[in-house]
Protein backbone atom coordinates (compact mmCIF):
# COMPACT_ATOMS: atom_id res chain seq x y z
CA UNK A 1 -13.37 46.71 -23.93
CA UNK A 2 -15.67 43.75 -24.55
CA UNK A 3 -18.85 43.19 -22.52
CA UNK A 4 -21.35 40.35 -22.93
CA UNK A 5 -24.86 39.81 -21.58
CA UNK A 6 -26.03 36.34 -20.59
CA UNK A 7 -28.98 34.71 -18.88
CA UNK A 8 -32.04 32.54 -19.31
CA UNK A 9 -34.69 33.30 -21.92
CA UNK A 10 -36.54 36.51 -21.04
CA UNK A 11 -34.01 37.72 -18.47
CA UNK A 12 -33.71 41.16 -20.10
CA UNK A 13 -30.38 40.88 -21.90
CA UNK A 14 -31.43 43.00 -24.86
CA UNK A 15 -32.89 45.73 -22.68
CA UNK A 16 -29.79 45.91 -20.50
CA UNK A 17 -27.53 45.94 -23.55
CA UNK A 18 -29.52 48.90 -24.88
CA UNK A 19 -29.23 50.81 -21.62
CA UNK A 20 -25.51 50.05 -21.45
CA UNK A 21 -25.11 51.22 -25.05
CA UNK A 22 -26.76 54.55 -24.20
CA UNK A 23 -24.64 54.92 -21.05
CA UNK A 24 -21.39 54.31 -22.91
CA UNK A 25 -22.28 56.65 -25.75
CA UNK A 26 -23.11 59.43 -23.30
CA UNK A 27 -19.65 58.86 -21.84
CA UNK A 28 -18.14 59.42 -25.29
CA UNK A 29 -17.43 55.86 -26.39
CA UNK A 30 -17.90 54.47 -29.87
CA UNK A 31 -19.81 51.20 -29.44
CA UNK A 32 -20.62 48.10 -31.48
CA UNK A 33 -23.84 46.43 -30.33
CA UNK A 34 -24.34 42.90 -31.65
CA UNK A 35 -25.84 39.52 -30.79
CA UNK A 36 -25.46 35.78 -31.09
CA UNK A 37 -26.53 33.88 -33.00
CA UNK A 38 -26.85 36.13 -36.04
CA UNK A 39 -24.28 38.87 -35.60
CA UNK A 40 -22.80 38.33 -39.06
CA UNK A 41 -24.22 37.63 -42.52
CA UNK A 42 -23.40 33.94 -42.15
CA UNK A 43 -24.74 34.04 -38.61
CA UNK A 44 -28.13 35.30 -39.78
CA UNK A 45 -28.56 32.12 -41.84
CA UNK A 46 -27.40 29.96 -38.93
CA UNK A 47 -29.76 31.77 -36.52
CA UNK A 48 -32.71 30.75 -38.69
CA UNK A 49 -31.65 27.09 -38.35
CA UNK A 50 -30.84 27.21 -34.66
CA UNK A 51 -33.96 28.92 -33.35
CA UNK A 52 -36.70 27.54 -35.60
CA UNK A 53 -39.13 25.28 -33.71
CA UNK A 54 -39.27 22.95 -36.72
CA UNK A 55 -35.70 21.88 -35.88
CA UNK A 56 -36.63 20.57 -32.44
CA UNK A 57 -34.97 17.20 -33.14
CA UNK A 58 -31.52 18.72 -33.73
CA UNK A 59 -28.78 16.61 -32.15
CA UNK A 60 -26.86 18.40 -29.35
CA UNK A 61 -23.60 18.00 -31.27
CA UNK A 62 -25.10 19.48 -34.45
CA UNK A 63 -26.46 22.38 -32.40
CA UNK A 64 -23.03 22.90 -30.85
CA UNK A 65 -21.12 23.09 -34.12
CA UNK A 66 -23.63 25.46 -35.68
CA UNK A 67 -23.16 27.79 -32.72
CA UNK A 68 -19.38 27.50 -32.98
CA UNK A 69 -19.50 28.36 -36.69
CA UNK A 70 -21.68 31.38 -35.96
CA UNK A 71 -19.32 32.53 -33.22
CA UNK A 72 -16.11 32.08 -35.20
CA UNK A 73 -17.48 34.21 -38.04
CA UNK A 74 -18.95 36.77 -35.66
CA UNK A 75 -15.62 37.29 -33.90
CA UNK A 76 -13.62 37.42 -37.13
CA UNK A 77 -15.93 39.77 -39.04
CA UNK A 78 -17.42 41.99 -36.32
CA UNK A 79 -16.01 41.84 -32.82
CA UNK A 80 -12.24 41.78 -33.43
CA UNK A 81 -12.38 44.58 -36.03
CA UNK A 82 -14.45 46.71 -33.63
CA UNK A 83 -12.02 46.20 -30.76
CA UNK A 84 -9.04 46.83 -33.03
CA UNK A 85 -10.66 50.11 -34.08
CA UNK A 86 -10.99 51.29 -30.50
CA UNK A 87 -14.69 50.58 -30.09
CA UNK A 88 -16.39 49.02 -27.10
CA UNK A 89 -18.10 45.77 -28.16
CA UNK A 90 -21.38 44.69 -26.54
CA UNK A 91 -22.89 41.31 -27.38
CA UNK A 92 -26.23 39.77 -26.43
CA UNK A 93 -24.88 36.24 -25.76
CA UNK A 94 -21.44 34.82 -26.49
CA UNK A 95 -19.43 31.68 -25.74
CA UNK A 96 -20.76 31.30 -22.18
CA UNK A 97 -24.21 30.64 -23.65
CA UNK A 98 -22.93 27.56 -25.48
CA UNK A 99 -21.08 26.29 -22.43
CA UNK A 100 -24.20 26.63 -20.28
CA UNK A 101 -26.92 25.59 -22.74
CA UNK A 102 -25.08 22.72 -24.44
CA UNK A 103 -23.11 21.76 -21.33
CA UNK A 104 -25.26 22.18 -18.24
CA UNK A 105 -28.44 22.00 -20.33
CA UNK A 106 -27.76 19.31 -22.95
CA UNK A 107 -25.23 17.31 -20.97
CA UNK A 108 -22.11 17.78 -23.12
CA UNK A 109 -18.76 18.04 -21.35
CA UNK A 110 -18.33 21.57 -19.98
CA UNK A 111 -14.54 21.63 -20.07
CA UNK A 112 -14.48 20.34 -23.65
CA UNK A 113 -17.00 23.03 -24.59
CA UNK A 114 -14.70 25.65 -23.12
CA UNK A 115 -11.80 24.36 -25.24
CA UNK A 116 -13.89 24.29 -28.42
CA UNK A 117 -15.16 27.81 -27.83
CA UNK A 118 -11.67 29.04 -27.07
CA UNK A 119 -10.59 27.64 -30.43
CA UNK A 120 -13.54 29.25 -32.24
CA UNK A 121 -12.84 32.71 -30.78
CA UNK A 122 -9.03 32.34 -30.84
CA UNK A 123 -8.77 33.16 -27.16
CA UNK A 124 -11.00 36.26 -27.18
CA UNK A 125 -13.05 36.29 -23.97
CA UNK A 126 -14.99 39.26 -22.57
CA UNK A 127 -13.57 41.72 -20.09
CA UNK A 128 -16.93 41.57 -18.29
CA UNK A 129 -19.83 39.15 -18.58
CA UNK A 130 -23.11 40.15 -16.95
CA UNK A 131 -25.38 37.20 -16.16
CA UNK A 132 -28.91 38.45 -15.60
CA UNK A 133 -30.27 36.12 -12.96
CA UNK A 134 -34.07 35.73 -12.88
CA UNK A 135 -36.53 33.07 -11.78
CA UNK A 136 -37.37 30.71 -14.62
CA UNK A 137 -41.15 31.19 -14.62
CA UNK A 138 -40.89 34.98 -14.96
CA UNK A 139 -38.25 34.80 -17.67
CA UNK A 140 -40.08 32.22 -19.74
CA UNK A 141 -43.37 34.12 -19.48
CA UNK A 142 -41.63 37.27 -20.73
CA UNK A 143 -39.93 35.44 -23.60
CA UNK A 144 -43.10 33.71 -24.77
CA UNK A 145 -45.05 36.98 -24.66
CA UNK A 146 -42.31 38.77 -26.63
CA UNK A 147 -42.27 36.07 -29.31
CA UNK A 148 -46.05 36.19 -29.66
CA UNK A 149 -46.10 39.97 -29.93
CA UNK A 150 -43.31 39.99 -32.53
CA UNK A 151 -44.64 37.02 -34.49
CA UNK A 152 -41.56 34.93 -33.71
CA UNK A 153 -43.12 32.02 -31.81
CA UNK A 154 -42.30 29.54 -34.58
CA UNK A 155 -39.23 31.11 -36.21
CA UNK A 156 -37.31 31.86 -33.00
CA UNK A 157 -39.05 29.88 -30.27
CA UNK A 158 -37.12 26.61 -30.17
CA UNK A 159 -35.56 27.20 -26.75
CA UNK A 160 -38.68 28.78 -25.27
CA UNK A 161 -40.46 25.52 -26.15
CA UNK A 162 -38.16 23.56 -23.82
CA UNK A 163 -39.48 22.38 -20.44
CA UNK A 164 -39.29 24.35 -17.21
CA UNK A 165 -36.86 21.69 -15.98
CA UNK A 166 -34.50 22.49 -18.86
CA UNK A 167 -34.65 26.22 -18.14
CA UNK A 168 -34.02 25.56 -14.44
CA UNK A 169 -30.85 23.66 -15.46
CA UNK A 170 -29.78 26.66 -17.51
CA UNK A 171 -30.24 29.06 -14.60
CA UNK A 172 -28.31 26.83 -12.20
CA UNK A 173 -25.70 26.27 -14.92
CA UNK A 174 -25.08 30.00 -15.22
CA UNK A 175 -24.71 30.24 -11.47
CA UNK A 176 -22.21 27.37 -11.41
CA UNK A 177 -20.23 28.71 -14.37
CA UNK A 178 -20.11 32.20 -12.84
CA UNK A 179 -18.72 30.71 -9.63
CA UNK A 180 -15.92 29.12 -11.68
CA UNK A 181 -15.00 32.43 -13.35
CA UNK A 182 -15.44 35.22 -10.78
CA UNK A 183 -12.67 37.25 -12.43
CA UNK A 184 -14.97 38.26 -15.29
CA UNK A 185 -18.52 36.96 -14.71
CA UNK A 186 -20.92 38.85 -12.46
CA UNK A 187 -24.38 37.65 -11.48
CA UNK A 188 -26.91 40.49 -11.55
CA UNK A 189 -30.33 40.28 -9.92
CA UNK A 190 -32.64 40.82 -12.92
CA UNK A 191 -35.85 41.25 -10.95
CA UNK A 192 -37.54 44.65 -10.80
CA UNK A 193 -37.84 47.47 -13.32
CA UNK A 194 -35.24 48.05 -16.08
CA UNK A 195 -34.03 51.12 -14.17
CA UNK A 196 -33.55 49.07 -11.01
CA UNK A 197 -31.65 46.33 -12.83
CA UNK A 198 -29.42 48.81 -14.65
CA UNK A 199 -28.75 50.47 -11.30
CA UNK A 200 -27.06 47.21 -10.28
CA UNK A 201 -25.06 47.09 -13.52
CA UNK A 202 -23.81 50.68 -13.59
CA UNK A 203 -21.29 50.28 -10.71
CA UNK A 204 -19.81 47.27 -12.52
CA UNK A 205 -19.38 49.34 -15.67
CA UNK A 206 -17.74 52.16 -13.73
CA UNK A 207 -15.35 49.73 -12.07
CA UNK A 208 -14.39 48.25 -15.45
CA UNK A 209 -13.89 51.63 -17.09
């Protein structure tokens, strides 16, 4: 079973992944929890390039192929072995992020992005993708505060530095992409407390299991 968490910056993906991890472990599952970019050794180096504010002039195509390289290695070295070993795999972001951010956000062709991602992951798509849907202002405020508190404003703040208009395109892009793939993507209202948000996720997990 493979579950991914998507959404705008600051939507609570990491928190919901953690709560899902605890829920699955209590149910007796062995779980791999990972993230993109940076879920592999190669990915850690690519994450530093992709998220650093000093690389703000990166061309959309260069950004795309760095993400694809990260994802191909992540799937080959972490996710496929975990699934083959009977584990549940949870990932904070996956291929849908690239389709939305580089497609709906940067203006690259969405269908071509799907084909390129499908090649990178060799056809491995999640059983369930949870898109945490939150208003842009709240999400960005959360993300900026987190980066300041963790000292990551420069090293990992490249996307948080984008305009509100860009983040609004990302939110609407997730909504549009979810509407195209209702068989696996679920929009989850991410407003409220972590307990309230996970209360909306838990029935989806039960249905999948």
